[in-house]
């Protein structure tokens, strides 16, 4: 039996990656370990919320994620084990690999189906240079840097 360890944080993104893989496998020949990677809470939020409330929120978040992901990816619920990541992923992967190796005799396949963060935050890269007001908006920054450099050199020259 093939075992897959899949790290997820967004149901829609993970479904796109898992569904084709699940469809290509014969029924009953694979076991899926879905590991929910809950989003981090900021320091400002976490200092106002108790540890038990934070863990309760993480559990509810993971249950909601699994409820969307398992039927949407076409995974049979009897062949799915759900885990909420509470320790670093490297340690968790090692523990899950040991369990998989002891159960089936070979290591599990690890799939990172988490939504990439940088793709959402990075602006689109284009070859064209900006024209009009966009091109002029950089001049105050450039001019400020040049004037700061000149004033530093002037101060050094006077010493």
N, C-alpha and C. Protein backbone atom coordinates (compact mmCIF):
# COMPACT_ATOMS: atom_id res chain seq x y z
N UNK A 1 0.84 -1.17 0.00
CA UNK A 1 0.00 0.00 0.00
C UNK A 1 0.89 1.24 0.00
N UNK A 2 0.62 2.17 -0.90
CA UNK A 2 1.37 3.41 -0.99
C UNK A 2 0.84 4.40 0.04
N UNK A 3 1.77 5.07 0.71
CA UNK A 3 1.37 6.05 1.71
C UNK A 3 1.86 7.42 1.27
N UNK A 4 0.97 8.41 1.38
CA UNK A 4 1.29 9.78 1.00
C UNK A 4 1.11 10.69 2.21
N UNK A 5 2.11 11.52 2.48
CA UNK A 5 2.02 12.54 3.51
C UNK A 5 1.88 13.86 2.79
N UNK A 6 0.76 14.56 3.01
CA UNK A 6 0.47 15.78 2.27
C UNK A 6 0.28 16.93 3.25
N UNK A 7 1.08 17.99 3.08
CA UNK A 7 0.96 19.19 3.90
C UNK A 7 0.03 20.17 3.20
N UNK A 8 -1.02 20.62 3.91
CA UNK A 8 -2.01 21.51 3.31
C UNK A 8 -2.30 22.70 4.22
N UNK A 9 -2.63 23.83 3.59
CA UNK A 9 -3.08 25.00 4.35
C UNK A 9 -4.23 25.71 3.65
N UNK A 10 -4.55 25.29 2.43
CA UNK A 10 -5.64 25.88 1.67
C UNK A 10 -6.31 24.77 0.88
N UNK A 11 -7.61 24.59 1.10
CA UNK A 11 -8.32 23.46 0.50
C UNK A 11 -8.37 23.55 -1.03
N UNK A 12 -8.67 24.72 -1.56
CA UNK A 12 -8.80 24.85 -3.02
C UNK A 12 -7.47 24.58 -3.72
N UNK A 13 -6.40 25.11 -3.19
CA UNK A 13 -5.08 24.90 -3.80
C UNK A 13 -4.66 23.44 -3.71
N UNK A 14 -4.88 22.82 -2.56
CA UNK A 14 -4.48 21.43 -2.36
C UNK A 14 -5.31 20.48 -3.24
N UNK A 15 -6.59 20.79 -3.45
CA UNK A 15 -7.43 19.94 -4.29
C UNK A 15 -6.88 19.85 -5.71
N UNK A 16 -6.36 20.96 -6.21
CA UNK A 16 -5.81 20.97 -7.57
C UNK A 16 -4.59 20.06 -7.69
N UNK A 17 -3.85 19.89 -6.61
CA UNK A 17 -2.66 19.06 -6.64
C UNK A 17 -2.95 17.60 -6.30
N UNK A 18 -3.89 17.38 -5.38
CA UNK A 18 -4.15 16.02 -4.90
C UNK A 18 -5.10 15.25 -5.81
N UNK A 19 -6.12 15.91 -6.36
CA UNK A 19 -7.15 15.22 -7.14
C UNK A 19 -6.58 14.42 -8.31
N UNK A 20 -5.67 14.98 -9.13
CA UNK A 20 -5.13 14.16 -10.23
C UNK A 20 -4.32 12.96 -9.73
N UNK A 21 -3.59 13.14 -8.65
CA UNK A 21 -2.80 12.06 -8.09
C UNK A 21 -3.70 10.96 -7.52
N UNK A 22 -4.76 11.37 -6.84
CA UNK A 22 -5.70 10.39 -6.26
C UNK A 22 -6.45 9.64 -7.35
N UNK A 23 -6.78 10.33 -8.44
CA UNK A 23 -7.52 9.69 -9.53
C UNK A 23 -6.65 8.67 -10.27
N UNK A 24 -5.34 8.90 -10.29
CA UNK A 24 -4.46 7.97 -11.01
C UNK A 24 -4.13 6.72 -10.21
N UNK A 25 -4.44 6.71 -8.93
CA UNK A 25 -4.17 5.55 -8.07
C UNK A 25 -5.36 4.60 -8.05
N UNK A 26 -5.11 3.29 -8.04
CA UNK A 26 -6.22 2.35 -7.92
C UNK A 26 -6.87 2.46 -6.54
N UNK A 27 -8.17 2.25 -6.52
CA UNK A 27 -8.92 2.37 -5.26
C UNK A 27 -8.43 1.34 -4.26
N UNK A 28 -8.23 1.78 -3.03
CA UNK A 28 -7.84 0.90 -1.96
C UNK A 28 -6.35 0.60 -1.90
N UNK A 29 -5.56 1.18 -2.79
CA UNK A 29 -4.12 0.88 -2.83
C UNK A 29 -3.27 1.99 -2.22
N UNK A 30 -3.89 3.02 -1.68
CA UNK A 30 -3.10 4.11 -1.11
C UNK A 30 -3.74 4.63 0.17
N UNK A 31 -2.89 5.16 1.03
CA UNK A 31 -3.35 5.76 2.28
C UNK A 31 -2.81 7.19 2.33
N UNK A 32 -3.65 8.13 2.69
CA UNK A 32 -3.30 9.55 2.68
C UNK A 32 -3.24 10.08 4.11
N UNK A 33 -2.14 10.71 4.45
CA UNK A 33 -2.00 11.39 5.74
C UNK A 33 -2.01 12.88 5.42
N UNK A 34 -3.11 13.54 5.74
CA UNK A 34 -3.24 14.97 5.48
C UNK A 34 -2.83 15.74 6.74
N UNK A 35 -1.85 16.61 6.58
CA UNK A 35 -1.32 17.37 7.71
C UNK A 35 -1.73 18.83 7.51
N UNK A 36 -2.55 19.34 8.42
CA UNK A 36 -2.99 20.73 8.34
C UNK A 36 -1.94 21.63 8.97
N UNK A 37 -1.53 22.64 8.22
CA UNK A 37 -0.57 23.64 8.70
C UNK A 37 -1.33 24.93 8.89
N UNK A 38 -1.77 25.17 10.12
CA UNK A 38 -2.59 26.34 10.42
C UNK A 38 -1.77 27.62 10.30
N UNK A 39 -2.42 28.72 9.90
CA UNK A 39 -1.69 29.97 9.81
C UNK A 39 -1.22 30.44 11.19
N UNK A 40 -0.12 31.16 11.20
CA UNK A 40 0.42 31.66 12.46
C UNK A 40 -0.39 32.87 12.91
N UNK A 41 -0.50 33.00 14.21
CA UNK A 41 -1.14 34.19 14.77
C UNK A 41 -0.05 35.22 15.07
N UNK A 42 -0.40 36.45 14.88
CA UNK A 42 0.57 37.50 15.15
C UNK A 42 0.80 37.62 16.65
N UNK A 43 1.89 38.25 17.00
CA UNK A 43 2.23 38.44 18.41
C UNK A 43 1.15 39.26 19.12
N UNK A 44 0.62 40.25 18.42
CA UNK A 44 -0.40 41.11 19.03
C UNK A 44 -1.68 40.34 19.35
N UNK A 45 -2.06 39.44 18.50
CA UNK A 45 -3.27 38.65 18.75
C UNK A 45 -3.01 37.61 19.83
N UNK A 46 -1.86 36.96 19.75
CA UNK A 46 -1.60 35.83 20.65
C UNK A 46 -1.45 36.26 22.11
N UNK A 47 -1.09 37.50 22.35
CA UNK A 47 -0.95 37.89 23.75
C UNK A 47 -2.30 38.16 24.43
N UNK A 48 -3.37 38.26 23.64
CA UNK A 48 -4.70 38.50 24.21
C UNK A 48 -5.55 37.23 24.25
N UNK A 49 -5.05 36.15 23.69
CA UNK A 49 -5.82 34.91 23.62
C UNK A 49 -5.10 33.84 24.42
N UNK A 50 -5.86 33.07 25.19
CA UNK A 50 -5.25 32.00 25.99
C UNK A 50 -4.77 30.86 25.09
N UNK A 51 -3.90 30.05 25.63
CA UNK A 51 -3.36 28.92 24.87
C UNK A 51 -4.46 27.95 24.46
N UNK A 52 -5.40 27.68 25.37
CA UNK A 52 -6.48 26.75 25.05
C UNK A 52 -7.40 27.30 23.97
N UNK A 53 -7.66 28.61 23.98
CA UNK A 53 -8.49 29.22 22.94
C UNK A 53 -7.78 29.16 21.59
N UNK A 54 -6.46 29.36 21.60
CA UNK A 54 -5.68 29.29 20.37
C UNK A 54 -5.70 27.87 19.81
N UNK A 55 -5.52 26.86 20.66
CA UNK A 55 -5.56 25.46 20.21
C UNK A 55 -6.95 25.08 19.72
N UNK A 56 -7.98 25.58 20.38
CA UNK A 56 -9.35 25.32 19.95
C UNK A 56 -9.60 25.90 18.56
N UNK A 57 -9.11 27.11 18.32
CA UNK A 57 -9.27 27.74 17.01
C UNK A 57 -8.53 26.94 15.95
N UNK A 58 -7.30 26.49 16.25
CA UNK A 58 -6.52 25.71 15.29
C UNK A 58 -7.23 24.40 14.95
N UNK A 59 -7.83 23.75 15.94
CA UNK A 59 -8.54 22.50 15.71
C UNK A 59 -9.77 22.72 14.84
N UNK A 60 -10.54 23.76 15.13
CA UNK A 60 -11.72 24.07 14.31
C UNK A 60 -11.32 24.42 12.89
N UNK A 61 -10.22 25.17 12.74
CA UNK A 61 -9.74 25.55 11.42
C UNK A 61 -9.36 24.29 10.63
N UNK A 62 -8.66 23.37 11.27
CA UNK A 62 -8.23 22.14 10.60
C UNK A 62 -9.44 21.27 10.23
N UNK A 63 -10.41 21.16 11.11
CA UNK A 63 -11.61 20.37 10.81
C UNK A 63 -12.35 20.93 9.59
N UNK A 64 -12.44 22.25 9.51
CA UNK A 64 -13.10 22.89 8.38
C UNK A 64 -12.31 22.63 7.09
N UNK A 65 -10.99 22.72 7.18
CA UNK A 65 -10.13 22.46 6.02
C UNK A 65 -10.30 21.03 5.52
N UNK A 66 -10.27 20.07 6.43
CA UNK A 66 -10.42 18.66 6.04
C UNK A 66 -11.80 18.38 5.48
N UNK A 67 -12.84 19.02 6.03
CA UNK A 67 -14.20 18.82 5.54
C UNK A 67 -14.34 19.30 4.09
N UNK A 68 -13.60 20.32 3.71
CA UNK A 68 -13.63 20.80 2.33
C UNK A 68 -12.73 19.97 1.42
N UNK A 69 -11.58 19.58 1.94
CA UNK A 69 -10.55 18.95 1.12
C UNK A 69 -10.84 17.50 0.76
N UNK A 70 -11.25 16.70 1.71
CA UNK A 70 -11.38 15.26 1.48
C UNK A 70 -12.41 14.94 0.39
N UNK A 71 -13.64 15.47 0.46
CA UNK A 71 -14.58 15.18 -0.64
C UNK A 71 -14.18 15.87 -1.94
N UNK A 72 -13.64 17.09 -1.84
CA UNK A 72 -13.28 17.85 -3.04
C UNK A 72 -12.15 17.21 -3.84
N UNK A 73 -11.22 16.53 -3.17
CA UNK A 73 -10.10 15.89 -3.86
C UNK A 73 -10.43 14.46 -4.28
N UNK A 74 -11.59 13.97 -3.89
CA UNK A 74 -11.99 12.62 -4.27
C UNK A 74 -11.29 11.53 -3.48
N UNK A 75 -10.94 11.84 -2.23
CA UNK A 75 -10.27 10.85 -1.38
C UNK A 75 -11.32 10.08 -0.59
N UNK A 76 -11.21 8.76 -0.54
CA UNK A 76 -12.14 8.00 0.29
C UNK A 76 -11.81 8.22 1.77
N UNK A 77 -12.79 8.63 2.57
CA UNK A 77 -12.52 8.92 3.99
C UNK A 77 -11.91 7.76 4.76
N UNK A 78 -12.16 6.54 4.34
CA UNK A 78 -11.60 5.39 5.05
C UNK A 78 -10.10 5.25 4.84
N UNK A 79 -9.56 5.91 3.84
CA UNK A 79 -8.13 5.82 3.53
C UNK A 79 -7.39 7.12 3.87
N UNK A 80 -7.99 7.94 4.72
CA UNK A 80 -7.39 9.23 5.07
C UNK A 80 -7.18 9.31 6.58
N UNK A 81 -6.00 9.76 6.97
CA UNK A 81 -5.71 10.08 8.35
C UNK A 81 -5.41 11.57 8.41
N UNK A 82 -6.03 12.27 9.35
CA UNK A 82 -5.81 13.71 9.45
C UNK A 82 -4.96 14.02 10.67
N UNK A 83 -4.05 14.98 10.49
CA UNK A 83 -3.13 15.38 11.56
C UNK A 83 -3.05 16.90 11.55
N UNK A 84 -3.01 17.48 12.73
CA UNK A 84 -2.80 18.92 12.87
C UNK A 84 -1.35 19.12 13.31
N UNK A 85 -0.59 19.87 12.53
CA UNK A 85 0.83 20.09 12.83
C UNK A 85 0.96 20.99 14.05
N UNK A 86 1.59 20.44 15.10
CA UNK A 86 1.83 21.22 16.32
C UNK A 86 3.31 21.33 16.62
N UNK A 87 4.13 20.61 15.87
CA UNK A 87 5.58 20.66 16.02
C UNK A 87 6.18 21.05 14.67
N UNK A 88 7.45 21.40 14.62
CA UNK A 88 8.05 21.75 13.32
C UNK A 88 7.88 20.62 12.30
N UNK A 89 7.70 21.01 11.03
CA UNK A 89 7.38 20.04 10.00
C UNK A 89 8.48 19.02 9.78
N UNK A 90 9.73 19.40 9.99
CA UNK A 90 10.83 18.44 9.81
C UNK A 90 10.70 17.29 10.81
N UNK A 91 10.41 17.63 12.07
CA UNK A 91 10.23 16.60 13.10
C UNK A 91 8.99 15.75 12.82
N UNK A 92 7.91 16.41 12.42
CA UNK A 92 6.67 15.69 12.14
C UNK A 92 6.85 14.74 10.95
N UNK A 93 7.56 15.19 9.93
CA UNK A 93 7.81 14.34 8.77
C UNK A 93 8.61 13.11 9.18
N UNK A 94 9.60 13.32 10.02
CA UNK A 94 10.42 12.20 10.48
C UNK A 94 9.56 11.18 11.25
N UNK A 95 8.69 11.67 12.13
CA UNK A 95 7.82 10.77 12.90
C UNK A 95 6.87 10.00 11.98
N UNK A 96 6.27 10.71 11.01
CA UNK A 96 5.34 10.06 10.10
C UNK A 96 6.05 9.06 9.19
N UNK A 97 7.29 9.37 8.79
CA UNK A 97 8.05 8.44 7.96
C UNK A 97 8.38 7.16 8.72
N UNK A 98 8.71 7.31 10.00
CA UNK A 98 9.00 6.13 10.83
C UNK A 98 7.75 5.25 10.92
N UNK A 99 6.60 5.87 11.13
CA UNK A 99 5.35 5.11 11.20
C UNK A 99 5.04 4.42 9.88
N UNK A 100 5.26 5.12 8.77
CA UNK A 100 4.98 4.56 7.44
C UNK A 100 5.93 3.41 7.14
N UNK A 101 7.19 3.58 7.50
CA UNK A 101 8.18 2.54 7.23
C UNK A 101 7.91 1.29 8.05
N UNK A 102 7.48 1.47 9.30
CA UNK A 102 7.19 0.30 10.14
C UNK A 102 5.92 -0.42 9.68
N UNK A 103 4.98 0.33 9.11
CA UNK A 103 3.71 -0.28 8.68
C UNK A 103 3.83 -0.98 7.33
N UNK A 104 4.51 -0.34 6.37
CA UNK A 104 4.53 -0.90 5.02
C UNK A 104 5.90 -1.38 4.55
N UNK A 105 6.95 -1.01 5.26
CA UNK A 105 8.28 -1.46 4.87
C UNK A 105 9.02 -0.51 3.94
N UNK A 106 8.33 0.52 3.44
CA UNK A 106 9.01 1.52 2.62
C UNK A 106 8.53 2.91 3.00
N UNK A 107 9.35 3.94 2.75
CA UNK A 107 8.98 5.29 3.17
C UNK A 107 7.80 5.85 2.38
N UNK A 108 7.12 6.80 3.00
CA UNK A 108 5.97 7.44 2.36
C UNK A 108 6.45 8.56 1.42
N UNK A 109 5.61 8.86 0.45
CA UNK A 109 5.87 9.98 -0.45
C UNK A 109 5.35 11.25 0.22
N UNK A 110 6.20 12.28 0.27
CA UNK A 110 5.82 13.55 0.91
C UNK A 110 5.49 14.56 -0.18
N UNK A 111 4.32 15.19 -0.03
CA UNK A 111 3.86 16.18 -1.00
C UNK A 111 3.52 17.47 -0.25
N UNK A 112 4.13 18.56 -0.66
CA UNK A 112 3.84 19.86 -0.05
C UNK A 112 2.80 20.56 -0.92
N UNK A 113 1.55 20.54 -0.47
CA UNK A 113 0.45 21.14 -1.21
C UNK A 113 0.01 22.45 -0.57
N UNK A 114 0.92 23.08 0.19
CA UNK A 114 0.59 24.37 0.79
C UNK A 114 0.62 25.46 -0.28
N UNK A 115 -0.21 26.45 -0.09
CA UNK A 115 -0.28 27.55 -1.03
C UNK A 115 0.98 28.40 -0.89
N UNK A 116 1.69 28.66 -1.99
CA UNK A 116 2.90 29.47 -1.87
C UNK A 116 2.58 30.90 -1.46
N UNK A 117 3.34 31.40 -0.50
CA UNK A 117 3.09 32.76 0.00
C UNK A 117 3.64 33.82 -0.93
N UNK A 118 4.82 33.60 -1.49
CA UNK A 118 5.47 34.63 -2.30
C UNK A 118 4.72 34.94 -3.58
N UNK A 119 4.00 33.99 -4.13
CA UNK A 119 3.26 34.23 -5.36
C UNK A 119 2.17 35.28 -5.15
N UNK A 120 1.59 35.32 -3.95
CA UNK A 120 0.53 36.28 -3.68
C UNK A 120 1.08 37.67 -3.38
N UNK A 121 2.27 37.73 -2.81
CA UNK A 121 2.80 39.00 -2.36
C UNK A 121 3.67 39.70 -3.39
N UNK A 122 4.29 38.94 -4.28
CA UNK A 122 5.21 39.54 -5.24
C UNK A 122 4.45 40.19 -6.40
N UNK A 123 4.86 41.39 -6.80
CA UNK A 123 4.21 42.02 -7.95
C UNK A 123 4.63 41.32 -9.24
N UNK A 124 3.82 41.43 -10.24
CA UNK A 124 4.13 40.83 -11.53
C UNK A 124 5.35 41.52 -12.13
N UNK A 125 6.25 40.73 -12.70
CA UNK A 125 7.46 41.27 -13.31
C UNK A 125 7.19 41.50 -14.78
N UNK A 126 7.49 42.70 -15.26
CA UNK A 126 7.30 43.03 -16.67
C UNK A 126 8.59 43.56 -17.25
N UNK A 127 8.73 43.44 -18.56
CA UNK A 127 9.93 43.93 -19.24
C UNK A 127 9.82 45.41 -19.58
N UNK A 128 8.61 45.92 -19.62
CA UNK A 128 8.41 47.32 -20.01
C UNK A 128 8.74 48.25 -18.85
N UNK A 129 9.37 49.34 -19.17
CA UNK A 129 9.63 50.36 -18.15
C UNK A 129 8.39 51.20 -17.96
N UNK A 130 8.12 51.63 -16.75
CA UNK A 130 6.92 52.45 -16.52
C UNK A 130 7.08 53.82 -17.19
N UNK A 131 5.97 54.31 -17.65
CA UNK A 131 5.96 55.63 -18.27
C UNK A 131 4.97 56.51 -17.54
N UNK A 132 5.10 57.80 -17.70
CA UNK A 132 4.17 58.75 -17.11
C UNK A 132 4.39 58.92 -15.63
N UNK A 133 3.30 59.05 -14.85
CA UNK A 133 3.41 59.33 -13.43
C UNK A 133 4.11 58.22 -12.64
N UNK A 134 4.04 56.97 -13.12
CA UNK A 134 4.71 55.88 -12.41
C UNK A 134 6.22 56.05 -12.44
N UNK A 135 6.76 56.53 -13.57
CA UNK A 135 8.20 56.72 -13.69
C UNK A 135 8.67 57.86 -12.81
N UNK A 136 7.86 58.90 -12.68
CA UNK A 136 8.24 60.05 -11.87
C UNK A 136 8.16 59.75 -10.37
N UNK A 137 7.37 58.74 -9.99
CA UNK A 137 7.19 58.46 -8.57
C UNK A 137 8.47 57.93 -7.91
N UNK A 138 9.44 57.45 -8.70
CA UNK A 138 10.69 56.95 -8.13
C UNK A 138 11.69 58.06 -7.88
N UNK A 139 11.54 59.20 -8.52
CA UNK A 139 12.54 60.27 -8.39
C UNK A 139 12.71 60.81 -6.98
N UNK A 140 11.67 60.98 -6.19
CA UNK A 140 11.92 61.45 -4.82
C UNK A 140 12.78 60.48 -4.01
N UNK A 141 12.61 59.19 -4.21
CA UNK A 141 13.42 58.22 -3.49
C UNK A 141 14.87 58.28 -3.96
N UNK A 142 15.07 58.35 -5.27
CA UNK A 142 16.43 58.41 -5.82
C UNK A 142 17.11 59.71 -5.40
N UNK A 143 16.41 60.81 -5.50
CA UNK A 143 16.96 62.11 -5.14
C UNK A 143 17.30 62.15 -3.66
N UNK A 144 16.45 61.57 -2.82
CA UNK A 144 16.72 61.53 -1.39
C UNK A 144 17.98 60.73 -1.08
N UNK A 145 18.17 59.62 -1.79
CA UNK A 145 19.36 58.80 -1.58
C UNK A 145 20.62 59.52 -2.02
N UNK A 146 20.55 60.22 -3.15
CA UNK A 146 21.71 60.97 -3.65
C UNK A 146 22.07 62.10 -2.70
N UNK A 147 21.08 62.83 -2.23
CA UNK A 147 21.35 63.94 -1.31
C UNK A 147 21.90 63.44 0.03
N UNK A 148 21.41 62.31 0.50
CA UNK A 148 21.94 61.75 1.74
C UNK A 148 23.40 61.34 1.57
N UNK A 149 23.71 60.74 0.45
CA UNK A 149 25.10 60.36 0.17
C UNK A 149 26.01 61.57 0.07
N UNK A 150 25.53 62.61 -0.60
CA UNK A 150 26.33 63.84 -0.74
C UNK A 150 26.55 64.51 0.61
N UNK A 151 25.52 64.54 1.43
CA UNK A 151 25.68 65.18 2.73
C UNK A 151 26.63 64.39 3.63
N UNK A 152 26.62 63.07 3.49
CA UNK A 152 27.56 62.24 4.26
C UNK A 152 28.99 62.52 3.82
N UNK A 153 29.21 62.59 2.51
CA UNK A 153 30.54 62.90 1.99
C UNK A 153 30.98 64.30 2.42
N UNK A 154 30.08 65.27 2.40
CA UNK A 154 30.39 66.63 2.80
C UNK A 154 30.79 66.68 4.27
N UNK A 155 30.06 65.94 5.12
CA UNK A 155 30.38 65.91 6.55
C UNK A 155 31.75 65.27 6.78
N UNK A 156 32.08 64.23 6.02
CA UNK A 156 33.37 63.58 6.15
C UNK A 156 34.50 64.51 5.68
N UNK A 157 34.21 65.27 4.62
CA UNK A 157 35.22 66.18 4.09
C UNK A 157 35.51 67.30 5.08
N UNK A 158 34.55 67.76 5.83
CA UNK A 158 34.74 68.85 6.77
C UNK A 158 35.50 68.39 8.00
N UNK A 159 35.48 67.12 8.31
CA UNK A 159 36.21 66.60 9.48
C UNK A 159 37.64 66.54 9.15
